[in-house]
Amino acid sequence: MAKGKDIRITVILECTNCSINKESRGVSRYITQKNRHNTPSRLELRKFCPFCCKHMIHAEIKK
C-alpha cells in the first residue's frame, strides 16, 4: 500500500490562543482526519479548549 497516495490523512489541531499565550497552563490539541483533495489548505475549526475554558480556533500544525 502506497503511503503517499492516501486521500484521507490524519491531522493535529492546536489551540491558537494557547500557543501564543505564554501564561497558559498547557496547549489543547485534537486529532482528526481530512480529505487531501477537498481541503488542500490548512484546516481551522472552532473547538473547546479546556485551558482557556471557552471555544477557540484550533489550527492544523505540522507533524
PDB file of N, CA and C in Angstrom:
ATOM      1  N   MET A   1       0.843  -1.177   0.000  1.00  0.00           N
ATOM      2  CA  MET A   1       0.000   0.000   0.000  1.00  0.00           C
ATOM      3  C   MET A   1       0.889   1.242   0.000  1.00  0.00           C
ATOM      4  N   ALA A   2       0.661   2.115  -0.944  1.00  0.00           N
ATOM      5  CA  ALA A   2       1.484   3.321  -1.073  1.00  0.00           C
ATOM      6  C   ALA A   2       1.070   4.351  -0.033  1.00  0.00           C
ATOM      7  N   LYS A   3       2.033   4.872   0.697  1.00  0.00           N
ATOM      8  CA  LYS A   3       1.734   5.824   1.762  1.00  0.00           C
ATOM      9  C   LYS A   3       1.389   7.207   1.205  1.00  0.00           C
ATOM     10  N   GLY A   4       2.002   7.636   0.120  1.00  0.00           N
ATOM     11  CA  GLY A   4       1.786   8.965  -0.431  1.00  0.00           C
ATOM     12  C   GLY A   4       0.489   9.130  -1.190  1.00  0.00           C
ATOM     13  N   LYS A   5      -0.221   8.045  -1.511  1.00  0.00           N
ATOM     14  CA  LYS A   5      -1.434   8.128  -2.312  1.00  0.00           C
ATOM     15  C   LYS A   5      -2.703   8.108  -1.476  1.00  0.00           C
ATOM     16  N   ASP A   6      -2.595   8.093  -0.152  1.00  0.00           N
ATOM     17  CA  ASP A   6      -3.783   8.092   0.693  1.00  0.00           C
ATOM     18  C   ASP A   6      -4.519   9.417   0.544  1.00  0.00           C
ATOM     19  N   ILE A   7      -5.843   9.328   0.404  1.00  0.00           N
ATOM     20  CA  ILE A   7      -6.641  10.540   0.243  1.00  0.00           C
ATOM     21  C   ILE A   7      -6.937  11.164   1.608  1.00  0.00           C
ATOM     22  N   ARG A   8      -7.343  10.345   2.583  1.00  0.00           N
ATOM     23  CA  ARG A   8      -7.635  10.853   3.927  1.00  0.00           C
ATOM     24  C   ARG A   8      -6.376  10.768   4.779  1.00  0.00           C
ATOM     25  N   ILE A   9      -6.011  11.896   5.389  1.00  0.00           N
ATOM     26  CA  ILE A   9      -4.815  11.936   6.220  1.00  0.00           C
ATOM     27  C   ILE A   9      -5.185  12.391   7.634  1.00  0.00           C
ATOM     28  N   THR A  10      -4.384  11.998   8.604  1.00  0.00           N
ATOM     29  CA  THR A  10      -4.579  12.397   9.994  1.00  0.00           C
ATOM     30  C   THR A  10      -3.872  13.722  10.235  1.00  0.00           C
ATOM     31  N   VAL A  11      -4.588  14.674  10.869  1.00  0.00           N
ATOM     32  CA  VAL A  11      -4.013  15.990  11.168  1.00  0.00           C
ATOM     33  C   VAL A  11      -4.182  16.290  12.656  1.00  0.00           C
ATOM     34  N   ILE A  12      -3.327  17.157  13.167  1.00  0.00           N
ATOM     35  CA  ILE A  12      -3.386  17.598  14.561  1.00  0.00           C
ATOM     36  C   ILE A  12      -3.807  19.059  14.582  1.00  0.00           C
ATOM     37  N   LEU A  13      -4.844  19.362  15.381  1.00  0.00           N
ATOM     38  CA  LEU A  13      -5.323  20.729  15.538  1.00  0.00           C
ATOM     39  C   LEU A  13      -4.869  21.244  16.897  1.00  0.00           C
ATOM     40  N   GLU A  14      -4.290  22.444  16.925  1.00  0.00           N
ATOM     41  CA  GLU A  14      -3.769  23.031  18.162  1.00  0.00           C
ATOM     42  C   GLU A  14      -4.424  24.383  18.396  1.00  0.00           C
ATOM     43  N   CYS A  15      -4.732  24.690  19.646  1.00  0.00           N
ATOM     44  CA  CYS A  15      -5.365  25.964  20.005  1.00  0.00           C
ATOM     45  C   CYS A  15      -4.424  27.123  19.664  1.00  0.00           C
ATOM     46  N   THR A  16      -4.937  28.098  18.928  1.00  0.00           N
ATOM     47  CA  THR A  16      -4.108  29.229  18.524  1.00  0.00           C
ATOM     48  C   THR A  16      -3.850  30.180  19.694  1.00  0.00           C
ATOM     49  N   ASN A  17      -4.774  30.280  20.627  1.00  0.00           N
ATOM     50  CA  ASN A  17      -4.604  31.177  21.768  1.00  0.00           C
ATOM     51  C   ASN A  17      -3.585  30.624  22.761  1.00  0.00           C
ATOM     52  N   CYS A  18      -3.628  29.332  23.037  1.00  0.00           N
ATOM     53  CA  CYS A  18      -2.686  28.723  23.997  1.00  0.00           C
ATOM     54  C   CYS A  18      -1.258  28.720  23.466  1.00  0.00           C
ATOM     55  N   SER A  19      -1.086  28.541  22.154  1.00  0.00           N
ATOM     56  CA  SER A  19       0.260  28.503  21.603  1.00  0.00           C
ATOM     57  C   SER A  19       0.916  29.885  21.608  1.00  0.00           C
ATOM     58  N   ILE A  20       0.120  30.952  21.551  1.00  0.00           N
ATOM     59  CA  ILE A  20       0.647  32.317  21.571  1.00  0.00           C
ATOM     60  C   ILE A  20       0.856  32.794  23.012  1.00  0.00           C
ATOM     61  N   ASN A  21      -0.105  32.475  23.886  1.00  0.00           N
ATOM     62  CA  ASN A  21      -0.087  32.954  25.266  1.00  0.00           C
ATOM     63  C   ASN A  21       0.923  32.164  26.091  1.00  0.00           C
ATOM     64  N   LYS A  22       1.896  32.828  26.681  1.00  0.00           N
ATOM     65  CA  LYS A  22       2.933  32.170  27.478  1.00  0.00           C
ATOM     66  C   LYS A  22       2.454  31.842  28.892  1.00  0.00           C
ATOM     67  N   GLU A  23       1.370  32.488  29.366  1.00  0.00           N
ATOM     68  CA  GLU A  23       0.862  32.257  30.713  1.00  0.00           C
ATOM     69  C   GLU A  23      -0.057  31.045  30.786  1.00  0.00           C
ATOM     70  N   SER A  24      -0.312  30.395  29.668  1.00  0.00           N
ATOM     71  CA  SER A  24      -1.234  29.263  29.615  1.00  0.00           C
ATOM     72  C   SER A  24      -0.670  28.069  30.386  1.00  0.00           C
ATOM     73  N   ARG A  25      -1.576  27.252  30.958  1.00  0.00           N
ATOM     74  CA  ARG A  25      -1.168  26.067  31.721  1.00  0.00           C
ATOM     75  C   ARG A  25      -0.760  24.927  30.815  1.00  0.00           C
ATOM     76  N   GLY A  26      -1.210  24.955  29.566  1.00  0.00           N
ATOM     77  CA  GLY A  26      -0.906  23.888  28.624  1.00  0.00           C
ATOM     78  C   GLY A  26      -1.415  24.252  27.244  1.00  0.00           C
ATOM     79  N   VAL A  27      -1.382  23.279  26.328  1.00  0.00           N
ATOM     80  CA  VAL A  27      -1.827  23.507  24.961  1.00  0.00           C
ATOM     81  C   VAL A  27      -2.859  22.436  24.617  1.00  0.00           C
ATOM     82  N   SER A  28      -4.024  22.882  24.166  1.00  0.00           N
ATOM     83  CA  SER A  28      -5.092  21.971  23.783  1.00  0.00           C
ATOM     84  C   SER A  28      -4.844  21.462  22.368  1.00  0.00           C
ATOM     85  N   ARG A  29      -4.934  20.133  22.169  1.00  0.00           N
ATOM     86  CA  ARG A  29      -4.735  19.531  20.852  1.00  0.00           C
ATOM     87  C   ARG A  29      -5.817  18.511  20.577  1.00  0.00           C
ATOM     88  N   TYR A  30      -6.274  18.461  19.341  1.00  0.00           N
ATOM     89  CA  TYR A  30      -7.240  17.482  18.873  1.00  0.00           C
ATOM     90  C   TYR A  30      -6.653  16.758  17.668  1.00  0.00           C
ATOM     91  N   ILE A  31      -7.042  15.506  17.483  1.00  0.00           N
ATOM     92  CA  ILE A  31      -6.628  14.725  16.321  1.00  0.00           C
ATOM     93  C   ILE A  31      -7.861  14.438  15.498  1.00  0.00           C
ATOM     94  N   THR A  32      -7.792  14.684  14.186  1.00  0.00           N
ATOM     95  CA  THR A  32      -8.909  14.441  13.280  1.00  0.00           C
ATOM     96  C   THR A  32      -8.360  14.031  11.924  1.00  0.00           C
ATOM     97  N   GLN A  33      -9.254  13.793  10.971  1.00  0.00           N
ATOM     98  CA  GLN A  33      -8.854  13.440   9.616  1.00  0.00           C
ATOM     99  C   GLN A  33      -9.430  14.449   8.637  1.00  0.00           C
ATOM    100  N   LYS A  34      -8.746  14.605   7.499  1.00  0.00           N
ATOM    101  CA  LYS A  34      -9.266  15.469   6.447  1.00  0.00           C
ATOM    102  C   LYS A  34      -8.997  14.826   5.104  1.00  0.00           C
ATOM    103  N   ASN A  35      -9.809  15.192   4.124  1.00  0.00           N
ATOM    104  CA  ASN A  35      -9.637  14.725   2.768  1.00  0.00           C
ATOM    105  C   ASN A  35      -8.658  15.655   2.066  1.00  0.00           C
ATOM    106  N   ARG A  36      -7.569  15.113   1.599  1.00  0.00           N
ATOM    107  CA  ARG A  36      -6.499  15.913   0.996  1.00  0.00           C
ATOM    108  C   ARG A  36      -6.952  16.612  -0.291  1.00  0.00           C
ATOM    109  N   HIS A  37      -7.848  15.976  -1.066  1.00  0.00           N
ATOM    110  CA  HIS A  37      -8.285  16.554  -2.332  1.00  0.00           C
ATOM    111  C   HIS A  37      -9.307  17.673  -2.134  1.00  0.00           C
ATOM    112  N   ASN A  38     -10.206  17.532  -1.175  1.00  0.00           N
ATOM    113  CA  ASN A  38     -11.231  18.555  -0.937  1.00  0.00           C
ATOM    114  C   ASN A  38     -10.702  19.736  -0.128  1.00  0.00           C
ATOM    115  N   THR A  39      -9.737  19.508   0.754  1.00  0.00           N
ATOM    116  CA  THR A  39      -9.203  20.555   1.625  1.00  0.00           C
ATOM    117  C   THR A  39      -7.674  20.575   1.538  1.00  0.00           C
ATOM    118  N   PRO A  40      -7.114  21.156   0.481  1.00  0.00           N
ATOM    119  CA  PRO A  40      -5.649  21.176   0.366  1.00  0.00           C
ATOM    120  C   PRO A  40      -4.987  22.175   1.320  1.00  0.00           C
ATOM    121  N   SER A  41      -5.716  23.209   1.743  1.00  0.00           N
ATOM    122  CA  SER A  41      -5.134  24.209   2.640  1.00  0.00           C
ATOM    123  C   SER A  41      -5.217  23.728   4.087  1.00  0.00           C
ATOM    124  N   ARG A  42      -4.657  24.509   5.004  1.00  0.00           N
ATOM    125  CA  ARG A  42      -4.662  24.150   6.420  1.00  0.00           C
ATOM    126  C   ARG A  42      -6.069  24.263   6.998  1.00  0.00           C
ATOM    127  N   LEU A  43      -6.418  23.325   7.853  1.00  0.00           N
ATOM    128  CA  LEU A  43      -7.738  23.241   8.442  1.00  0.00           C
ATOM    129  C   LEU A  43      -7.801  24.082   9.713  1.00  0.00           C
ATOM    130  N   GLU A  44      -8.919  24.812   9.911  1.00  0.00           N
ATOM    131  CA  GLU A  44      -9.160  25.581  11.127  1.00  0.00           C
ATOM    132  C   GLU A  44     -10.586  25.317  11.581  1.00  0.00           C
ATOM    133  N   LEU A  45     -10.754  24.885  12.832  1.00  0.00           N
ATOM    134  CA  LEU A  45     -12.067  24.588  13.391  1.00  0.00           C
ATOM    135  C   LEU A  45     -12.200  25.226  14.763  1.00  0.00           C
ATOM    136  N   ARG A  46     -13.448  25.580  15.130  1.00  0.00           N
ATOM    137  CA  ARG A  46     -13.717  26.070  16.479  1.00  0.00           C
ATOM    138  C   ARG A  46     -13.998  24.872  17.371  1.00  0.00           C
ATOM    139  N   LYS A  47     -13.107  24.645  18.347  1.00  0.00           N
ATOM    140  CA  LYS A  47     -13.243  23.527  19.280  1.00  0.00           C
ATOM    141  C   LYS A  47     -13.105  24.072  20.704  1.00  0.00           C
ATOM    142  N   PHE A  48     -13.563  23.285  21.678  1.00  0.00           N
ATOM    143  CA  PHE A  48     -13.462  23.705  23.074  1.00  0.00           C
ATOM    144  C   PHE A  48     -12.043  23.509  23.594  1.00  0.00           C
ATOM    145  N   CYS A  49     -11.502  24.538  24.206  1.00  0.00           N
ATOM    146  CA  CYS A  49     -10.173  24.481  24.811  1.00  0.00           C
ATOM    147  C   CYS A  49     -10.344  24.427  26.333  1.00  0.00           C
ATOM    148  N   PRO A  50      -9.950  23.323  26.980  1.00  0.00           N
ATOM    149  CA  PRO A  50     -10.109  23.239  28.439  1.00  0.00           C
ATOM    150  C   PRO A  50      -9.193  24.185  29.211  1.00  0.00           C
ATOM    151  N   PHE A  51      -8.109  24.656  28.610  1.00  0.00           N
ATOM    152  CA  PHE A  51      -7.194  25.573  29.288  1.00  0.00           C
ATOM    153  C   PHE A  51      -7.703  27.011  29.229  1.00  0.00           C
ATOM    154  N   CYS A  52      -8.377  27.382  28.137  1.00  0.00           N
ATOM    155  CA  CYS A  52      -8.968  28.710  28.013  1.00  0.00           C
ATOM    156  C   CYS A  52     -10.395  28.739  28.571  1.00  0.00           C
ATOM    157  N   CYS A  53     -11.006  27.561  28.738  1.00  0.00           N
ATOM    158  CA  CYS A  53     -12.388  27.392  29.220  1.00  0.00           C
ATOM    159  C   CYS A  53     -13.409  28.047  28.297  1.00  0.00           C
ATOM    160  N   LYS A  54     -13.160  28.011  26.989  1.00  0.00           N
ATOM    161  CA  LYS A  54     -14.124  28.508  26.004  1.00  0.00           C
ATOM    162  C   LYS A  54     -13.770  27.951  24.634  1.00  0.00           C
ATOM    163  N   HIS A  55     -14.657  28.148  23.683  1.00  0.00           N
ATOM    164  CA  HIS A  55     -14.430  27.694  22.321  1.00  0.00           C
ATOM    165  C   HIS A  55     -13.450  28.643  21.624  1.00  0.00           C
ATOM    166  N   MET A  56     -12.387  28.067  21.069  1.00  0.00           N
ATOM    167  CA  MET A  56     -11.353  28.846  20.394  1.00  0.00           C
ATOM    168  C   MET A  56     -11.069  28.213  19.040  1.00  0.00           C
ATOM    169  N   ILE A  57     -10.372  28.943  18.187  1.00  0.00           N
ATOM    170  CA  ILE A  57      -9.982  28.414  16.878  1.00  0.00           C
ATOM    171  C   ILE A  57      -8.776  27.507  17.054  1.00  0.00           C
ATOM    172  N   HIS A  58      -8.898  26.287  16.549  1.00  0.00           N
ATOM    173  CA  HIS A  58      -7.801  25.320  16.556  1.00  0.00           C
ATOM    174  C   HIS A  58      -7.326  25.165  15.116  1.00  0.00           C
ATOM    175  N   ALA A  59      -6.039  25.375  14.867  1.00  0.00           N
ATOM    176  CA  ALA A  59      -5.475  25.325  13.520  1.00  0.00           C
ATOM    177  C   ALA A  59      -4.595  24.098  13.356  1.00  0.00           C
ATOM    178  N   GLU A  60      -4.487  23.643  12.130  1.00  0.00           N
ATOM    179  CA  GLU A  60      -3.670  22.478  11.799  1.00  0.00           C
ATOM    180  C   GLU A  60      -2.187  22.832  11.954  1.00  0.00           C
ATOM    181  N   ILE A  61      -1.429  21.891  12.541  1.00  0.00           N
ATOM    182  CA  ILE A  61       0.007  22.079  12.691  1.00  0.00           C
ATOM    183  C   ILE A  61       0.739  20.974  11.941  1.00  0.00           C
ATOM    184  N   LYS A  62       2.024  21.186  11.697  1.00  0.00           N
ATOM    185  CA  LYS A  62       2.845  20.155  11.054  1.00  0.00           C
ATOM    186  C   LYS A  62       3.159  19.069  12.061  1.00  0.00           C
ATOM    187  N   LYS A  63       3.356  17.857  11.575  1.00  0.00           N
ATOM    188  CA  LYS A  63       3.736  16.743  12.447  1.00  0.00           C
ATOM    189  C   LYS A  63       5.217  16.740  12.674  1.00  0.00           C
TER     190      LYS A  63
END
